[in-house]
């Protein structure tokens, strides 16, 4: 099942999105948005899991987490 939603994106992201589709790296805009959202959700889950394992603030571990899972998407 799918649900259609309306999302406003900055022009530069729409241009980049269309370029990805034009290159054939995604079948359409929705395909790319779905893949990007799934990737971000996996990243968020990984951060949550690592925070649970860590249990406290650890700058070295936090730096490693950022390196492994990448920067947050703004």
PDB file of N, CA and C in Angstrom:
ATOM      1  N   UNK A   1       0.836  -1.176   0.000  1.00  0.00           N
ATOM      2  CA  UNK A   1       0.000   0.000   0.000  1.00  0.00           C
ATOM      3  C   UNK A   1       0.882   1.241   0.000  1.00  0.00           C
ATOM      4  N   UNK A   2       0.459   2.253  -0.679  1.00  0.00           N
ATOM      5  CA  UNK A   2       1.174   3.525  -0.668  1.00  0.00           C
ATOM      6  C   UNK A   2       0.188   4.642  -0.373  1.00  0.00           C
ATOM      7  N   UNK A   3       0.721   5.728   0.152  1.00  0.00           N
ATOM      8  CA  UNK A   3      -0.057   6.924   0.422  1.00  0.00           C
ATOM      9  C   UNK A   3       0.628   8.091  -0.256  1.00  0.00           C
ATOM     10  N   UNK A   4      -0.116   8.844  -1.014  1.00  0.00           N
ATOM     11  CA  UNK A   4       0.447  10.010  -1.677  1.00  0.00           C
ATOM     12  C   UNK A   4       0.455  11.177  -0.707  1.00  0.00           C
ATOM     13  N   UNK A   5       1.603  11.867  -0.634  1.00  0.00           N
ATOM     14  CA  UNK A   5       1.715  13.059   0.204  1.00  0.00           C
ATOM     15  C   UNK A   5       2.310  14.186  -0.633  1.00  0.00           C
ATOM     16  N   UNK A   6       2.068  15.392  -0.207  1.00  0.00           N
ATOM     17  CA  UNK A   6       2.658  16.556  -0.876  1.00  0.00           C
ATOM     18  C   UNK A   6       3.839  17.030  -0.039  1.00  0.00           C
ATOM     19  N   UNK A   7       4.968  17.199  -0.690  1.00  0.00           N
ATOM     20  CA  UNK A   7       6.176  17.645  -0.005  1.00  0.00           C
ATOM     21  C   UNK A   7       6.771  18.800  -0.793  1.00  0.00           C
ATOM     22  N   UNK A   8       7.114  19.871  -0.114  1.00  0.00           N
ATOM     23  CA  UNK A   8       7.777  20.997  -0.779  1.00  0.00           C
ATOM     24  C   UNK A   8       9.276  20.828  -0.619  1.00  0.00           C
ATOM     25  N   UNK A   9       9.991  20.923  -1.734  1.00  0.00           N
ATOM     26  CA  UNK A   9      11.444  20.790  -1.727  1.00  0.00           C
ATOM     27  C   UNK A   9      12.068  22.054  -2.299  1.00  0.00           C
ATOM     28  N   UNK A  10      13.249  22.413  -1.801  1.00  0.00           N
ATOM     29  CA  UNK A  10      13.959  23.549  -2.388  1.00  0.00           C
ATOM     30  C   UNK A  10      14.281  23.262  -3.859  1.00  0.00           C
ATOM     31  N   UNK A  11      14.317  24.321  -4.660  1.00  0.00           N
ATOM     32  CA  UNK A  11      14.553  24.170  -6.096  1.00  0.00           C
ATOM     33  C   UNK A  11      15.820  23.391  -6.410  1.00  0.00           C
ATOM     34  N   UNK A  12      16.898  23.641  -5.647  1.00  0.00           N
ATOM     35  CA  UNK A  12      18.162  22.960  -5.943  1.00  0.00           C
ATOM     36  C   UNK A  12      18.049  21.449  -5.746  1.00  0.00           C
ATOM     37  N   UNK A  13      17.251  21.019  -4.777  1.00  0.00           N
ATOM     38  CA  UNK A  13      17.064  19.582  -4.574  1.00  0.00           C
ATOM     39  C   UNK A  13      16.230  18.966  -5.692  1.00  0.00           C
ATOM     40  N   UNK A  14      15.254  19.702  -6.184  1.00  0.00           N
ATOM     41  CA  UNK A  14      14.437  19.198  -7.288  1.00  0.00           C
ATOM     42  C   UNK A  14      15.290  19.057  -8.545  1.00  0.00           C
ATOM     43  N   UNK A  15      16.161  20.036  -8.796  1.00  0.00           N
ATOM     44  CA  UNK A  15      17.068  19.952  -9.947  1.00  0.00           C
ATOM     45  C   UNK A  15      17.961  18.725  -9.810  1.00  0.00           C
ATOM     46  N   UNK A  16      18.538  18.527  -8.626  1.00  0.00           N
ATOM     47  CA  UNK A  16      19.410  17.370  -8.396  1.00  0.00           C
ATOM     48  C   UNK A  16      18.626  16.071  -8.539  1.00  0.00           C
ATOM     49  N   UNK A  17      17.428  16.047  -8.026  1.00  0.00           N
ATOM     50  CA  UNK A  17      16.560  14.872  -8.126  1.00  0.00           C
ATOM     51  C   UNK A  17      16.279  14.536  -9.585  1.00  0.00           C
ATOM     52  N   UNK A  18      15.952  15.539 -10.372  1.00  0.00           N
ATOM     53  CA  UNK A  18      15.672  15.321 -11.790  1.00  0.00           C
ATOM     54  C   UNK A  18      16.913  14.846 -12.540  1.00  0.00           C
ATOM     55  N   UNK A  19      18.087  15.319 -12.138  1.00  0.00           N
ATOM     56  CA  UNK A  19      19.331  14.870 -12.765  1.00  0.00           C
ATOM     57  C   UNK A  19      19.572  13.386 -12.483  1.00  0.00           C
ATOM     58  N   UNK A  20      19.287  12.962 -11.266  1.00  0.00           N
ATOM     59  CA  UNK A  20      19.439  11.545 -10.910  1.00  0.00           C
ATOM     60  C   UNK A  20      18.509  10.689 -11.767  1.00  0.00           C
ATOM     61  N   UNK A  21      17.285  11.135 -11.936  1.00  0.00           N
ATOM     62  CA  UNK A  21      16.318  10.398 -12.756  1.00  0.00           C
ATOM     63  C   UNK A  21      16.759  10.394 -14.219  1.00  0.00           C
ATOM     64  N   UNK A  22      17.229  11.536 -14.712  1.00  0.00           N
ATOM     65  CA  UNK A  22      17.669  11.627 -16.110  1.00  0.00           C
ATOM     66  C   UNK A  22      18.847  10.693 -16.391  1.00  0.00           C
ATOM     67  N   UNK A  23      19.724  10.506 -15.409  1.00  0.00           N
ATOM     68  CA  UNK A  23      20.866   9.594 -15.563  1.00  0.00           C
ATOM     69  C   UNK A  23      20.436   8.133 -15.509  1.00  0.00           C
ATOM     70  N   UNK A  24      19.220   7.897 -15.074  1.00  0.00           N
ATOM     71  CA  UNK A  24      18.737   6.531 -14.963  1.00  0.00           C
ATOM     72  C   UNK A  24      19.077   5.874 -13.640  1.00  0.00           C
ATOM     73  N   UNK A  25      19.585   6.658 -12.682  1.00  0.00           N
ATOM     74  CA  UNK A  25      19.937   6.111 -11.374  1.00  0.00           C
ATOM     75  C   UNK A  25      18.704   5.891 -10.500  1.00  0.00           C
ATOM     76  N   UNK A  26      17.576   6.447 -10.903  1.00  0.00           N
ATOM     77  CA  UNK A  26      16.292   6.223 -10.233  1.00  0.00           C
ATOM     78  C   UNK A  26      15.223   6.190 -11.316  1.00  0.00           C
ATOM     79  N   UNK A  27      14.184   5.421 -11.087  1.00  0.00           N
ATOM     80  CA  UNK A  27      13.143   5.308 -12.114  1.00  0.00           C
ATOM     81  C   UNK A  27      12.291   6.564 -12.221  1.00  0.00           C
ATOM     82  N   UNK A  28      12.094   7.237 -11.098  1.00  0.00           N
ATOM     83  CA  UNK A  28      11.344   8.490 -11.083  1.00  0.00           C
ATOM     84  C   UNK A  28      11.641   9.213  -9.776  1.00  0.00           C
ATOM     85  N   UNK A  29      11.066  10.384  -9.609  1.00  0.00           N
ATOM     86  CA  UNK A  29      11.315  11.172  -8.395  1.00  0.00           C
ATOM     87  C   UNK A  29      10.945  10.388  -7.139  1.00  0.00           C
ATOM     88  N   UNK A  30       9.793   9.750  -7.169  1.00  0.00           N
ATOM     89  CA  UNK A  30       9.335   9.013  -5.988  1.00  0.00           C
ATOM     90  C   UNK A  30      10.321   7.918  -5.606  1.00  0.00           C
ATOM     91  N   UNK A  31      10.867   7.222  -6.597  1.00  0.00           N
ATOM     92  CA  UNK A  31      11.846   6.165  -6.334  1.00  0.00           C
ATOM     93  C   UNK A  31      13.039   6.718  -5.565  1.00  0.00           C
ATOM     94  N   UNK A  32      13.548   7.841  -6.007  1.00  0.00           N
ATOM     95  CA  UNK A  32      14.720   8.422  -5.350  1.00  0.00           C
ATOM     96  C   UNK A  32      14.378   8.920  -3.942  1.00  0.00           C
ATOM     97  N   UNK A  33      13.235   9.553  -3.799  1.00  0.00           N
ATOM     98  CA  UNK A  33      12.828  10.049  -2.481  1.00  0.00           C
ATOM     99  C   UNK A  33      12.635   8.881  -1.516  1.00  0.00           C
ATOM    100  N   UNK A  34      12.019   7.812  -1.972  1.00  0.00           N
ATOM    101  CA  UNK A  34      11.809   6.632  -1.126  1.00  0.00           C
ATOM    102  C   UNK A  34      13.147   6.047  -0.688  1.00  0.00           C
ATOM    103  N   UNK A  35      14.074   5.888  -1.636  1.00  0.00           N
ATOM    104  CA  UNK A  35      15.384   5.322  -1.291  1.00  0.00           C
ATOM    105  C   UNK A  35      16.143   6.222  -0.320  1.00  0.00           C
ATOM    106  N   UNK A  36      16.086   7.536  -0.541  1.00  0.00           N
ATOM    107  CA  UNK A  36      16.783   8.463   0.356  1.00  0.00           C
ATOM    108  C   UNK A  36      16.169   8.431   1.754  1.00  0.00           C
ATOM    109  N   UNK A  37      14.858   8.378   1.832  1.00  0.00           N
ATOM    110  CA  UNK A  37      14.186   8.328   3.127  1.00  0.00           C
ATOM    111  C   UNK A  37      14.502   7.027   3.856  1.00  0.00           C
ATOM    112  N   UNK A  38      14.483   5.918   3.139  1.00  0.00           N
ATOM    113  CA  UNK A  38      14.835   4.641   3.779  1.00  0.00           C
ATOM    114  C   UNK A  38      16.272   4.658   4.296  1.00  0.00           C
ATOM    115  N   UNK A  39      17.180   5.227   3.503  1.00  0.00           N
ATOM    116  CA  UNK A  39      18.579   5.315   3.923  1.00  0.00           C
ATOM    117  C   UNK A  39      18.704   6.164   5.195  1.00  0.00           C
ATOM    118  N   UNK A  40      18.014   7.283   5.226  1.00  0.00           N
ATOM    119  CA  UNK A  40      18.070   8.153   6.406  1.00  0.00           C
ATOM    120  C   UNK A  40      17.460   7.465   7.620  1.00  0.00           C
ATOM    121  N   UNK A  41      16.376   6.746   7.437  1.00  0.00           N
ATOM    122  CA  UNK A  41      15.768   6.025   8.562  1.00  0.00           C
ATOM    123  C   UNK A  41      16.699   4.941   9.094  1.00  0.00           C
ATOM    124  N   UNK A  42      17.405   4.242   8.196  1.00  0.00           N
ATOM    125  CA  UNK A  42      18.396   3.248   8.645  1.00  0.00           C
ATOM    126  C   UNK A  42      19.512   3.929   9.431  1.00  0.00           C
ATOM    127  N   UNK A  43      19.956   5.089   8.955  1.00  0.00           N
ATOM    128  CA  UNK A  43      21.014   5.837   9.639  1.00  0.00           C
ATOM    129  C   UNK A  43      20.555   6.246  11.035  1.00  0.00           C
ATOM    130  N   UNK A  44      19.330   6.730  11.135  1.00  0.00           N
ATOM    131  CA  UNK A  44      18.792   7.141  12.433  1.00  0.00           C
ATOM    132  C   UNK A  44      18.691   5.949  13.384  1.00  0.00           C
ATOM    133  N   UNK A  45      18.250   4.798  12.871  1.00  0.00           N
ATOM    134  CA  UNK A  45      18.171   3.595  13.715  1.00  0.00           C
ATOM    135  C   UNK A  45      19.557   3.164  14.181  1.00  0.00           C
ATOM    136  N   UNK A  46      20.536   3.254  13.303  1.00  0.00           N
ATOM    137  CA  UNK A  46      21.906   2.883  13.680  1.00  0.00           C
ATOM    138  C   UNK A  46      22.423   3.797  14.778  1.00  0.00           C
ATOM    139  N   UNK A  47      22.162   5.079  14.664  1.00  0.00           N
ATOM    140  CA  UNK A  47      22.593   6.026  15.697  1.00  0.00           C
ATOM    141  C   UNK A  47      21.909   5.707  17.018  1.00  0.00           C
ATOM    142  N   UNK A  48      20.611   5.445  16.977  1.00  0.00           N
ATOM    143  CA  UNK A  48      19.874   5.102  18.195  1.00  0.00           C
ATOM    144  C   UNK A  48      20.437   3.840  18.831  1.00  0.00           C
ATOM    145  N   UNK A  49      20.697   2.823  18.015  1.00  0.00           N
ATOM    146  CA  UNK A  49      21.258   1.574  18.539  1.00  0.00           C
ATOM    147  C   UNK A  49      22.626   1.803  19.168  1.00  0.00           C
ATOM    148  N   UNK A  50      23.470   2.564  18.504  1.00  0.00           N
ATOM    149  CA  UNK A  50      24.804   2.826  19.040  1.00  0.00           C
ATOM    150  C   UNK A  50      24.740   3.662  20.313  1.00  0.00           C
ATOM    151  N   UNK A  51      23.804   4.606  20.375  1.00  0.00           N
ATOM    152  CA  UNK A  51      23.629   5.384  21.604  1.00  0.00           C
ATOM    153  C   UNK A  51      23.203   4.480  22.762  1.00  0.00           C
ATOM    154  N   UNK A  52      22.334   3.513  22.486  1.00  0.00           N
ATOM    155  CA  UNK A  52      21.903   2.582  23.538  1.00  0.00           C
ATOM    156  C   UNK A  52      23.072   1.731  24.021  1.00  0.00           C
ATOM    157  N   UNK A  53      23.884   1.284  23.077  1.00  0.00           N
ATOM    158  CA  UNK A  53      25.051   0.473  23.436  1.00  0.00           C
ATOM    159  C   UNK A  53      26.030   1.290  24.258  1.00  0.00           C
ATOM    160  N   UNK A  54      26.241   2.524  23.831  1.00  0.00           N
ATOM    161  CA  UNK A  54      27.212   3.394  24.489  1.00  0.00           C
ATOM    162  C   UNK A  54      26.752   3.765  25.893  1.00  0.00           C
ATOM    163  N   UNK A  55      25.500   4.156  26.036  1.00  0.00           N
ATOM    164  CA  UNK A  55      24.950   4.456  27.341  1.00  0.00           C
ATOM    165  C   UNK A  55      25.338   5.795  27.942  1.00  0.00           C
ATOM    166  N   UNK A  56      26.358   6.439  27.425  1.00  0.00           N
ATOM    167  CA  UNK A  56      26.755   7.745  27.950  1.00  0.00           C
ATOM    168  C   UNK A  56      27.497   8.495  26.855  1.00  0.00           C
ATOM    169  N   UNK A  57      27.832   9.743  27.147  1.00  0.00           N
ATOM    170  CA  UNK A  57      28.548  10.559  26.167  1.00  0.00           C
ATOM    171  C   UNK A  57      29.981  10.085  26.022  1.00  0.00           C
ATOM    172  N   UNK A  58      30.377   9.859  24.803  1.00  0.00           N
ATOM    173  CA  UNK A  58      31.731   9.426  24.487  1.00  0.00           C
ATOM    174  C   UNK A  58      32.118  10.095  23.174  1.00  0.00           C
ATOM    175  N   UNK A  59      32.931  11.134  23.255  1.00  0.00           N
ATOM    176  CA  UNK A  59      33.287  11.925  22.076  1.00  0.00           C
ATOM    177  C   UNK A  59      33.949  11.072  20.999  1.00  0.00           C
ATOM    178  N   UNK A  60      34.798  10.144  21.404  1.00  0.00           N
ATOM    179  CA  UNK A  60      35.483   9.300  20.424  1.00  0.00           C
ATOM    180  C   UNK A  60      34.486   8.402  19.684  1.00  0.00           C
ATOM    181  N   UNK A  61      33.555   7.806  20.417  1.00  0.00           N
ATOM    182  CA  UNK A  61      32.548   6.966  19.781  1.00  0.00           C
ATOM    183  C   UNK A  61      31.629   7.808  18.899  1.00  0.00           C
ATOM    184  N   UNK A  62      31.247   8.989  19.375  1.00  0.00           N
ATOM    185  CA  UNK A  62      30.396   9.864  18.578  1.00  0.00           C
ATOM    186  C   UNK A  62      31.062  10.231  17.257  1.00  0.00           C
ATOM    187  N   UNK A  63      32.368  10.494  17.284  1.00  0.00           N
ATOM    188  CA  UNK A  63      33.099  10.808  16.056  1.00  0.00           C
ATOM    189  C   UNK A  63      33.100   9.609  15.114  1.00  0.00           C
ATOM    190  N   UNK A  64      33.276   8.423  15.667  1.00  0.00           N
ATOM    191  CA  UNK A  64      33.274   7.209  14.849  1.00  0.00           C
ATOM    192  C   UNK A  64      31.898   6.988  14.230  1.00  0.00           C
ATOM    193  N   UNK A  65      30.847   7.193  15.017  1.00  0.00           N
ATOM    194  CA  UNK A  65      29.485   7.037  14.511  1.00  0.00           C
ATOM    195  C   UNK A  65      29.255   7.982  13.341  1.00  0.00           C
ATOM    196  N   UNK A  66      29.654   9.234  13.502  1.00  0.00           N
ATOM    197  CA  UNK A  66      29.477  10.207  12.425  1.00  0.00           C
ATOM    198  C   UNK A  66      30.233   9.781  11.179  1.00  0.00           C
ATOM    199  N   UNK A  67      31.412   9.231  11.374  1.00  0.00           N
ATOM    200  CA  UNK A  67      32.213   8.772  10.235  1.00  0.00           C
ATOM    201  C   UNK A  67      31.547   7.590   9.531  1.00  0.00           C
ATOM    202  N   UNK A  68      31.024   6.656  10.304  1.00  0.00           N
ATOM    203  CA  UNK A  68      30.451   5.431   9.737  1.00  0.00           C
ATOM    204  C   UNK A  68      29.104   5.687   9.077  1.00  0.00           C
ATOM    205  N   UNK A  69      28.218   6.392   9.746  1.00  0.00           N
ATOM    206  CA  UNK A  69      26.864   6.552   9.216  1.00  0.00           C
ATOM    207  C   UNK A  69      26.698   7.826   8.405  1.00  0.00           C
ATOM    208  N   UNK A  70      27.670   8.699   8.425  1.00  0.00           N
ATOM    209  CA  UNK A  70      27.616   9.913   7.619  1.00  0.00           C
ATOM    210  C   UNK A  70      26.892  11.036   8.322  1.00  0.00           C
ATOM    211  N   UNK A  71      26.962  12.201   7.700  1.00  0.00           N
ATOM    212  CA  UNK A  71      26.336  13.377   8.307  1.00  0.00           C
ATOM    213  C   UNK A  71      24.818  13.312   8.211  1.00  0.00           C
ATOM    214  N   UNK A  72      24.174  14.029   9.080  1.00  0.00           N
ATOM    215  CA  UNK A  72      22.718  14.099   9.050  1.00  0.00           C
ATOM    216  C   UNK A  72      22.276  14.840   7.801  1.00  0.00           C
ATOM    217  N   UNK A  73      21.097  14.510   7.317  1.00  0.00           N
ATOM    218  CA  UNK A  73      20.524  15.193   6.166  1.00  0.00           C
ATOM    219  C   UNK A  73      19.727  16.372   6.677  1.00  0.00           C
ATOM    220  N   UNK A  74      20.005  17.542   6.138  1.00  0.00           N
ATOM    221  CA  UNK A  74      19.272  18.747   6.559  1.00  0.00           C
ATOM    222  C   UNK A  74      18.051  18.956   5.710  1.00  0.00           C
TER     223      UNK A  74
END
